[in-house]
C-alpha cells in the first residue's frame, strides 16, 4: 500500500502548519505508522522561506514535548500533484489554496483542519502570530485534537 501524503498549510509556515506537521508526525510515530504516511508543511507566502518556526511556537511546542525542526517553505504547484491531502488552517488559507489549485481534481484534495477538530465552537485555527502565549497554547490544543481525529479519519479510509 502506498503512503498517504499530507501537506499542512498556513499563511507563513512558521506557526500553525509546522506545529500540525510536528504533532501529526508524533501521532504516526506513537501508532507505529511512519511508513504509512509522508507529512510536510508549507506556507502561502514565501516571506519566511528557509526560517525555523516562530521562536514562540517552538517554545510552546517544547512545553508539550514537541520539537519543531521544519524550515518554512512556500507551497509549489507540484505539491498539488504530490500530496493526497492539503490541509488548510483557516478559511482564508482554504480559499487561497482553492484559487491556486491547478485543476478541480487538485482542489478536491484541500480540506480544512477545523473540520476534524471536536472541540466545541472551533471552526478555524486562529493564527497566534500577533497574539500572546494563550493563543499559542490554544492553537496547540486545537491541533492536538484535530490531528488525532484527522489521523483516525485517514486510517479508517485507507
N, C-alpha and C. Protein backbone atom coordinates (compact mmCIF):
# COMPACT_ATOMS: atom_id res chain seq x y z
N UNK A 1 0.85 -1.19 0.00
CA UNK A 1 0.00 0.00 0.00
C UNK A 1 0.89 1.24 0.00
N UNK A 2 0.54 2.21 -0.82
CA UNK A 2 1.35 3.43 -0.90
C UNK A 2 1.11 4.33 0.32
N UNK A 3 2.05 5.20 0.54
CA UNK A 3 1.95 6.12 1.66
C UNK A 3 0.92 7.21 1.37
N UNK A 4 0.17 7.60 2.38
CA UNK A 4 -0.73 8.74 2.28
C UNK A 4 0.11 9.98 2.53
N UNK A 5 0.03 10.93 1.60
CA UNK A 5 0.86 12.13 1.68
C UNK A 5 0.00 13.32 2.10
N UNK A 6 0.41 13.97 3.19
CA UNK A 6 -0.35 15.06 3.80
C UNK A 6 0.51 16.32 3.86
N UNK A 7 -0.05 17.44 3.39
CA UNK A 7 0.62 18.74 3.44
C UNK A 7 -0.24 19.69 4.26
N UNK A 8 0.30 20.19 5.37
CA UNK A 8 -0.39 21.17 6.20
C UNK A 8 0.02 22.57 5.72
N UNK A 9 -0.95 23.47 5.59
CA UNK A 9 -0.67 24.81 5.04
C UNK A 9 -1.29 25.90 5.91
N UNK A 10 -0.47 26.92 6.19
CA UNK A 10 -0.97 28.16 6.80
C UNK A 10 -0.35 29.32 6.01
N UNK A 11 -0.47 30.51 6.52
CA UNK A 11 -0.01 31.67 5.76
C UNK A 11 1.51 31.68 5.56
N UNK A 12 2.28 31.70 6.64
CA UNK A 12 3.72 31.86 6.51
C UNK A 12 4.54 30.62 6.78
N UNK A 13 3.90 29.54 7.23
CA UNK A 13 4.57 28.27 7.53
C UNK A 13 5.58 28.44 8.67
N UNK A 14 5.20 29.26 9.67
CA UNK A 14 6.08 29.41 10.83
C UNK A 14 5.35 29.20 12.16
N UNK A 15 4.03 29.00 12.13
CA UNK A 15 3.30 28.77 13.38
C UNK A 15 2.43 27.50 13.28
N UNK A 16 1.27 27.64 12.67
CA UNK A 16 0.29 26.55 12.71
C UNK A 16 0.68 25.33 11.89
N UNK A 17 1.07 25.52 10.64
CA UNK A 17 1.34 24.33 9.81
C UNK A 17 2.57 23.53 10.25
N UNK A 18 3.69 24.17 10.67
CA UNK A 18 4.79 23.33 11.16
C UNK A 18 4.43 22.63 12.48
N UNK A 19 3.58 23.29 13.28
CA UNK A 19 3.13 22.64 14.53
C UNK A 19 2.24 21.45 14.19
N UNK A 20 1.34 21.60 13.21
CA UNK A 20 0.48 20.49 12.79
C UNK A 20 1.33 19.34 12.25
N UNK A 21 2.32 19.66 11.43
CA UNK A 21 3.23 18.64 10.89
C UNK A 21 3.91 17.88 12.02
N UNK A 22 4.41 18.60 13.01
CA UNK A 22 5.12 18.00 14.15
C UNK A 22 4.19 17.11 14.96
N UNK A 23 2.99 17.60 15.26
CA UNK A 23 2.03 16.82 16.03
C UNK A 23 1.62 15.57 15.26
N UNK A 24 1.33 15.73 13.97
CA UNK A 24 0.90 14.59 13.17
C UNK A 24 2.01 13.54 13.09
N UNK A 25 3.25 13.97 12.92
CA UNK A 25 4.37 13.03 12.92
C UNK A 25 4.49 12.30 14.25
N UNK A 26 4.24 13.01 15.33
CA UNK A 26 4.28 12.40 16.66
C UNK A 26 3.19 11.32 16.78
N UNK A 27 2.01 11.62 16.27
CA UNK A 27 0.89 10.66 16.31
C UNK A 27 1.23 9.40 15.50
N UNK A 28 1.77 9.58 14.30
CA UNK A 28 2.07 8.39 13.49
C UNK A 28 3.22 7.58 14.10
N UNK A 29 4.15 8.24 14.77
CA UNK A 29 5.20 7.51 15.49
C UNK A 29 4.60 6.70 16.63
N UNK A 30 3.70 7.33 17.39
CA UNK A 30 3.04 6.64 18.51
C UNK A 30 2.25 5.42 18.05
N UNK A 31 1.77 5.45 16.81
CA UNK A 31 0.97 4.34 16.27
C UNK A 31 1.78 3.43 15.34
N UNK A 32 3.10 3.59 15.37
CA UNK A 32 3.99 2.79 14.51
C UNK A 32 3.52 2.80 13.06
N UNK A 33 3.18 3.98 12.57
CA UNK A 33 2.64 4.11 11.21
C UNK A 33 3.51 5.01 10.33
N UNK A 34 4.78 5.16 10.69
CA UNK A 34 5.66 6.06 9.94
C UNK A 34 5.75 5.70 8.46
N UNK A 35 5.73 4.42 8.12
CA UNK A 35 5.84 4.06 6.70
C UNK A 35 4.50 4.08 5.98
N UNK A 36 3.45 4.51 6.66
CA UNK A 36 2.14 4.65 6.01
C UNK A 36 1.86 6.09 5.56
N UNK A 37 2.67 7.03 6.05
CA UNK A 37 2.41 8.44 5.80
C UNK A 37 3.68 9.19 5.42
N UNK A 38 3.51 10.23 4.61
CA UNK A 38 4.55 11.22 4.37
C UNK A 38 3.91 12.56 4.71
N UNK A 39 4.57 13.35 5.57
CA UNK A 39 3.99 14.58 6.08
C UNK A 39 4.94 15.75 5.86
N UNK A 40 4.39 16.89 5.46
CA UNK A 40 5.18 18.10 5.26
C UNK A 40 4.27 19.29 5.56
N UNK A 41 4.83 20.48 5.52
CA UNK A 41 4.03 21.69 5.67
C UNK A 41 4.60 22.78 4.78
N UNK A 42 3.75 23.77 4.48
CA UNK A 42 4.14 24.86 3.59
C UNK A 42 3.32 26.09 3.92
N UNK A 43 3.73 27.21 3.35
CA UNK A 43 3.02 28.46 3.55
C UNK A 43 2.52 29.03 2.24
N UNK A 44 1.55 29.89 2.33
CA UNK A 44 1.01 30.54 1.14
C UNK A 44 1.88 31.70 0.68
N UNK A 45 2.73 32.19 1.56
CA UNK A 45 3.66 33.26 1.19
C UNK A 45 5.10 32.76 1.40
N UNK A 46 6.03 33.36 0.70
CA UNK A 46 7.42 32.91 0.81
C UNK A 46 8.27 33.83 1.70
N UNK A 47 7.63 34.74 2.40
CA UNK A 47 8.34 35.73 3.20
C UNK A 47 9.32 35.10 4.20
N UNK A 48 8.95 33.97 4.79
CA UNK A 48 9.78 33.34 5.82
C UNK A 48 10.58 32.14 5.30
N UNK A 49 10.67 32.01 3.98
CA UNK A 49 11.32 30.83 3.38
C UNK A 49 12.69 30.55 4.00
N UNK A 50 12.89 29.30 4.40
CA UNK A 50 14.15 28.86 4.98
C UNK A 50 14.28 29.09 6.48
N UNK A 51 13.34 29.83 7.06
CA UNK A 51 13.40 30.12 8.50
C UNK A 51 12.82 28.98 9.32
N UNK A 52 13.31 28.85 10.55
CA UNK A 52 12.71 27.94 11.51
C UNK A 52 11.34 28.51 11.91
N UNK A 53 10.55 27.69 12.57
CA UNK A 53 9.25 28.15 13.07
C UNK A 53 9.47 29.32 14.04
N UNK A 54 8.43 30.11 14.20
CA UNK A 54 8.46 31.25 15.12
C UNK A 54 9.00 30.78 16.48
N UNK A 55 9.91 31.54 17.09
CA UNK A 55 10.51 31.12 18.38
C UNK A 55 9.47 30.89 19.47
N UNK A 56 8.39 31.68 19.44
CA UNK A 56 7.34 31.49 20.45
C UNK A 56 6.64 30.15 20.25
N UNK A 57 6.40 29.77 18.99
CA UNK A 57 5.75 28.49 18.73
C UNK A 57 6.67 27.35 19.14
N UNK A 58 7.96 27.50 18.85
CA UNK A 58 8.92 26.45 19.26
C UNK A 58 8.97 26.33 20.77
N UNK A 59 8.92 27.45 21.47
CA UNK A 59 8.95 27.42 22.94
C UNK A 59 7.71 26.71 23.50
N UNK A 60 6.54 27.07 22.97
CA UNK A 60 5.31 26.43 23.45
C UNK A 60 5.27 24.96 23.05
N UNK A 61 5.78 24.64 21.88
CA UNK A 61 5.84 23.24 21.44
C UNK A 61 6.68 22.42 22.43
N UNK A 62 7.81 22.99 22.82
CA UNK A 62 8.70 22.31 23.77
C UNK A 62 8.00 22.02 25.09
N UNK A 63 7.16 22.93 25.52
CA UNK A 63 6.40 22.74 26.76
C UNK A 63 5.48 21.52 26.67
N UNK A 64 5.16 21.14 25.44
CA UNK A 64 4.29 19.98 25.20
C UNK A 64 5.11 18.78 24.70
N UNK A 65 6.41 18.86 24.86
CA UNK A 65 7.35 17.78 24.46
C UNK A 65 7.44 17.57 22.96
N UNK A 66 7.24 18.63 22.19
CA UNK A 66 7.42 18.58 20.75
C UNK A 66 8.65 19.40 20.37
N UNK A 67 9.31 18.99 19.31
CA UNK A 67 10.41 19.79 18.77
C UNK A 67 10.12 20.02 17.29
N UNK A 68 9.93 21.28 16.93
CA UNK A 68 9.66 21.63 15.53
C UNK A 68 11.01 21.82 14.83
N UNK A 69 11.26 21.00 13.81
CA UNK A 69 12.52 21.10 13.08
C UNK A 69 12.33 21.62 11.66
N UNK A 70 11.08 21.75 11.24
CA UNK A 70 10.77 22.18 9.87
C UNK A 70 11.28 23.60 9.60
N UNK A 71 11.70 23.82 8.37
CA UNK A 71 12.04 25.17 7.89
C UNK A 71 10.99 25.60 6.89
N UNK A 72 10.57 26.83 7.00
CA UNK A 72 9.48 27.36 6.18
C UNK A 72 9.77 27.24 4.69
N UNK A 73 8.73 26.91 3.96
CA UNK A 73 8.81 26.89 2.50
C UNK A 73 7.45 27.27 1.95
N UNK A 74 7.44 27.88 0.78
CA UNK A 74 6.15 28.21 0.16
C UNK A 74 5.57 26.98 -0.54
N UNK A 75 4.26 26.98 -0.66
CA UNK A 75 3.61 25.91 -1.44
C UNK A 75 4.01 26.07 -2.90
N UNK A 76 4.14 24.95 -3.60
CA UNK A 76 4.52 24.95 -5.01
C UNK A 76 3.44 24.25 -5.82
N UNK A 77 3.36 24.58 -7.08
CA UNK A 77 2.34 23.96 -7.94
C UNK A 77 2.41 22.44 -7.91
N UNK A 78 3.62 21.89 -7.92
CA UNK A 78 3.72 20.43 -7.95
C UNK A 78 3.29 19.77 -6.64
N UNK A 79 3.11 20.55 -5.57
CA UNK A 79 2.58 19.98 -4.32
C UNK A 79 1.18 19.41 -4.55
N UNK A 80 0.44 20.03 -5.46
CA UNK A 80 -0.91 19.54 -5.73
C UNK A 80 -0.86 18.15 -6.39
N UNK A 81 0.20 17.88 -7.13
CA UNK A 81 0.38 16.54 -7.72
C UNK A 81 0.91 15.55 -6.69
N UNK A 82 1.77 16.03 -5.80
CA UNK A 82 2.49 15.15 -4.89
C UNK A 82 1.70 14.70 -3.67
N UNK A 83 0.76 15.53 -3.21
CA UNK A 83 0.07 15.23 -1.95
C UNK A 83 -1.36 14.76 -2.17
N UNK A 84 -1.80 13.87 -1.27
CA UNK A 84 -3.16 13.35 -1.31
C UNK A 84 -4.13 14.30 -0.60
N UNK A 85 -3.63 14.94 0.46
CA UNK A 85 -4.43 15.88 1.25
C UNK A 85 -3.63 17.15 1.46
N UNK A 86 -4.28 18.29 1.25
CA UNK A 86 -3.68 19.59 1.51
C UNK A 86 -4.60 20.24 2.55
N UNK A 87 -4.06 20.41 3.75
CA UNK A 87 -4.86 20.78 4.91
C UNK A 87 -4.69 22.25 5.25
N UNK A 88 -5.76 23.02 5.09
CA UNK A 88 -5.76 24.46 5.35
C UNK A 88 -6.11 24.74 6.81
N UNK A 89 -5.42 25.72 7.39
CA UNK A 89 -5.65 26.05 8.80
C UNK A 89 -6.85 26.97 9.03
N UNK A 90 -7.23 27.76 8.04
CA UNK A 90 -8.40 28.63 8.22
C UNK A 90 -9.08 28.84 6.88
N UNK A 91 -10.20 29.54 6.89
CA UNK A 91 -10.98 29.73 5.66
C UNK A 91 -10.22 30.52 4.60
N UNK A 92 -9.46 31.52 5.03
CA UNK A 92 -8.68 32.31 4.07
C UNK A 92 -7.64 31.42 3.37
N UNK A 93 -6.95 30.58 4.16
CA UNK A 93 -5.98 29.64 3.58
C UNK A 93 -6.69 28.71 2.60
N UNK A 94 -7.85 28.23 2.98
CA UNK A 94 -8.62 27.31 2.14
C UNK A 94 -8.97 27.97 0.80
N UNK A 95 -9.48 29.19 0.87
CA UNK A 95 -9.88 29.89 -0.36
C UNK A 95 -8.68 30.18 -1.25
N UNK A 96 -7.57 30.59 -0.65
CA UNK A 96 -6.36 30.87 -1.44
C UNK A 96 -5.81 29.60 -2.08
N UNK A 97 -5.84 28.50 -1.34
CA UNK A 97 -5.40 27.22 -1.91
C UNK A 97 -6.31 26.81 -3.07
N UNK A 98 -7.61 26.99 -2.86
CA UNK A 98 -8.57 26.64 -3.91
C UNK A 98 -8.30 27.46 -5.17
N UNK A 99 -8.00 28.74 -4.97
CA UNK A 99 -7.73 29.63 -6.11
C UNK A 99 -6.47 29.25 -6.89
N UNK A 100 -5.47 28.69 -6.21
CA UNK A 100 -4.23 28.34 -6.91
C UNK A 100 -4.17 26.88 -7.35
N UNK A 101 -5.15 26.09 -6.96
CA UNK A 101 -5.17 24.68 -7.37
C UNK A 101 -5.21 24.61 -8.90
N UNK A 102 -4.30 23.85 -9.52
CA UNK A 102 -4.25 23.79 -10.98
C UNK A 102 -5.51 23.22 -11.64
N UNK A 103 -6.16 22.26 -10.98
CA UNK A 103 -7.35 21.63 -11.56
C UNK A 103 -8.41 21.45 -10.48
N UNK A 104 -9.61 21.14 -10.91
CA UNK A 104 -10.69 20.86 -9.97
C UNK A 104 -10.37 19.60 -9.17
N UNK A 105 -9.75 18.62 -9.80
CA UNK A 105 -9.32 17.40 -9.09
C UNK A 105 -8.34 17.76 -7.97
N UNK A 106 -7.42 18.65 -8.25
CA UNK A 106 -6.47 19.09 -7.23
C UNK A 106 -7.19 19.82 -6.10
N UNK A 107 -8.16 20.63 -6.43
CA UNK A 107 -8.91 21.39 -5.43
C UNK A 107 -9.64 20.45 -4.47
N UNK A 108 -10.02 19.28 -4.94
CA UNK A 108 -10.73 18.32 -4.09
C UNK A 108 -9.83 17.75 -3.00
N UNK A 109 -8.52 17.93 -3.12
CA UNK A 109 -7.58 17.45 -2.11
C UNK A 109 -7.51 18.38 -0.90
N UNK A 110 -8.05 19.59 -1.03
CA UNK A 110 -7.96 20.60 0.03
C UNK A 110 -9.05 20.35 1.06
N UNK A 111 -8.63 20.26 2.32
CA UNK A 111 -9.57 20.09 3.43
C UNK A 111 -9.24 21.13 4.50
N UNK A 112 -10.18 21.33 5.40
CA UNK A 112 -9.99 22.29 6.50
C UNK A 112 -9.64 21.54 7.78
N UNK A 113 -8.58 21.95 8.42
CA UNK A 113 -8.15 21.32 9.67
C UNK A 113 -9.26 21.35 10.71
N UNK A 114 -9.99 22.46 10.79
CA UNK A 114 -11.03 22.60 11.80
C UNK A 114 -12.16 21.58 11.62
N UNK A 115 -12.33 21.06 10.41
CA UNK A 115 -13.38 20.06 10.18
C UNK A 115 -13.11 18.78 10.95
N UNK A 116 -11.89 18.61 11.42
CA UNK A 116 -11.53 17.40 12.19
C UNK A 116 -11.41 17.68 13.68
N UNK A 117 -11.61 18.92 14.08
CA UNK A 117 -11.49 19.30 15.48
C UNK A 117 -12.83 19.06 16.19
N UNK A 118 -12.78 18.32 17.30
CA UNK A 118 -14.01 18.02 18.03
C UNK A 118 -14.22 18.93 19.23
N UNK A 119 -13.36 19.94 19.40
CA UNK A 119 -13.55 20.92 20.48
C UNK A 119 -14.72 21.80 20.10
N UNK A 120 -15.73 21.90 20.96
CA UNK A 120 -16.93 22.70 20.62
C UNK A 120 -16.59 24.15 20.27
N UNK A 121 -17.21 24.64 19.20
CA UNK A 121 -17.07 26.03 18.80
C UNK A 121 -15.88 26.34 17.92
N UNK A 122 -15.04 25.35 17.61
CA UNK A 122 -13.86 25.60 16.78
C UNK A 122 -14.24 25.42 15.31
N UNK A 123 -14.18 26.51 14.54
CA UNK A 123 -14.46 26.40 13.11
C UNK A 123 -13.28 26.85 12.25
N UNK A 124 -12.18 27.24 12.89
CA UNK A 124 -10.92 27.52 12.19
C UNK A 124 -9.82 27.53 13.24
N UNK A 125 -8.59 27.43 12.79
CA UNK A 125 -7.46 27.51 13.71
C UNK A 125 -6.84 28.89 13.59
N UNK A 126 -7.03 29.73 14.61
CA UNK A 126 -6.57 31.11 14.52
C UNK A 126 -5.05 31.21 14.48
N UNK A 127 -4.57 32.21 13.77
CA UNK A 127 -3.14 32.45 13.68
C UNK A 127 -2.68 33.11 14.98
N UNK A 128 -1.79 32.47 15.74
CA UNK A 128 -1.36 33.05 17.02
C UNK A 128 -0.26 34.11 16.88
N UNK A 129 0.19 34.36 15.66
CA UNK A 129 1.37 35.21 15.42
C UNK A 129 1.28 36.57 16.10
N UNK A 130 0.14 37.22 16.04
CA UNK A 130 0.01 38.57 16.60
C UNK A 130 -0.53 38.59 18.02
N UNK A 131 -0.68 37.42 18.62
CA UNK A 131 -1.24 37.34 19.97
C UNK A 131 -0.20 36.97 21.01
N UNK A 132 -0.69 36.61 22.18
CA UNK A 132 0.19 36.27 23.29
C UNK A 132 0.30 34.77 23.50
N UNK A 133 0.85 34.40 24.65
CA UNK A 133 1.08 33.00 24.99
C UNK A 133 -0.18 32.15 24.92
N UNK A 134 -1.29 32.70 25.37
CA UNK A 134 -2.55 31.95 25.41
C UNK A 134 -2.96 31.49 24.00
N UNK A 135 -2.72 32.32 23.00
CA UNK A 135 -3.07 31.96 21.63
C UNK A 135 -2.26 30.78 21.12
N UNK A 136 -0.98 30.74 21.44
CA UNK A 136 -0.14 29.62 21.04
C UNK A 136 -0.58 28.34 21.73
N UNK A 137 -0.87 28.45 23.02
CA UNK A 137 -1.32 27.27 23.77
C UNK A 137 -2.65 26.75 23.22
N UNK A 138 -3.54 27.65 22.92
CA UNK A 138 -4.87 27.27 22.39
C UNK A 138 -4.73 26.58 21.03
N UNK A 139 -3.88 27.10 20.17
CA UNK A 139 -3.69 26.50 18.85
C UNK A 139 -3.09 25.10 18.98
N UNK A 140 -2.14 24.92 19.89
CA UNK A 140 -1.57 23.59 20.10
C UNK A 140 -2.65 22.62 20.57
N UNK A 141 -3.49 23.06 21.50
CA UNK A 141 -4.60 22.22 21.98
C UNK A 141 -5.52 21.83 20.82
N UNK A 142 -5.88 22.80 19.99
CA UNK A 142 -6.75 22.53 18.85
C UNK A 142 -6.09 21.56 17.87
N UNK A 143 -4.81 21.79 17.60
CA UNK A 143 -4.09 20.94 16.65
C UNK A 143 -3.92 19.52 17.16
N UNK A 144 -3.67 19.36 18.46
CA UNK A 144 -3.56 18.00 19.01
C UNK A 144 -4.87 17.25 18.79
N UNK A 145 -5.97 17.91 19.05
CA UNK A 145 -7.28 17.30 18.87
C UNK A 145 -7.55 17.01 17.40
N UNK A 146 -7.39 18.01 16.56
CA UNK A 146 -7.72 17.87 15.14
C UNK A 146 -6.79 16.88 14.43
N UNK A 147 -5.51 16.90 14.75
CA UNK A 147 -4.57 15.97 14.10
C UNK A 147 -4.88 14.52 14.46
N UNK A 148 -5.24 14.27 15.71
CA UNK A 148 -5.60 12.91 16.10
C UNK A 148 -6.86 12.45 15.37
N UNK A 149 -7.85 13.32 15.30
CA UNK A 149 -9.08 12.98 14.57
C UNK A 149 -8.81 12.78 13.08
N UNK A 150 -7.96 13.62 12.51
CA UNK A 150 -7.60 13.50 11.10
C UNK A 150 -6.86 12.18 10.85
N UNK A 151 -5.95 11.84 11.76
CA UNK A 151 -5.24 10.55 11.66
C UNK A 151 -6.25 9.40 11.66
N UNK A 152 -7.21 9.44 12.58
CA UNK A 152 -8.23 8.37 12.65
C UNK A 152 -9.03 8.30 11.36
N UNK A 153 -9.39 9.47 10.83
CA UNK A 153 -10.12 9.52 9.56
C UNK A 153 -9.31 8.86 8.45
N UNK A 154 -8.03 9.20 8.36
CA UNK A 154 -7.19 8.64 7.31
C UNK A 154 -7.02 7.14 7.48
N UNK A 155 -6.83 6.68 8.71
CA UNK A 155 -6.68 5.24 8.97
C UNK A 155 -7.97 4.50 8.57
N UNK A 156 -9.10 5.09 8.90
CA UNK A 156 -10.39 4.46 8.62
C UNK A 156 -10.72 4.45 7.12
N UNK A 157 -10.08 5.35 6.37
CA UNK A 157 -10.40 5.48 4.95
C UNK A 157 -9.25 5.06 4.03
N UNK A 158 -8.34 4.26 4.51
CA UNK A 158 -7.20 3.79 3.69
C UNK A 158 -7.64 2.64 2.83
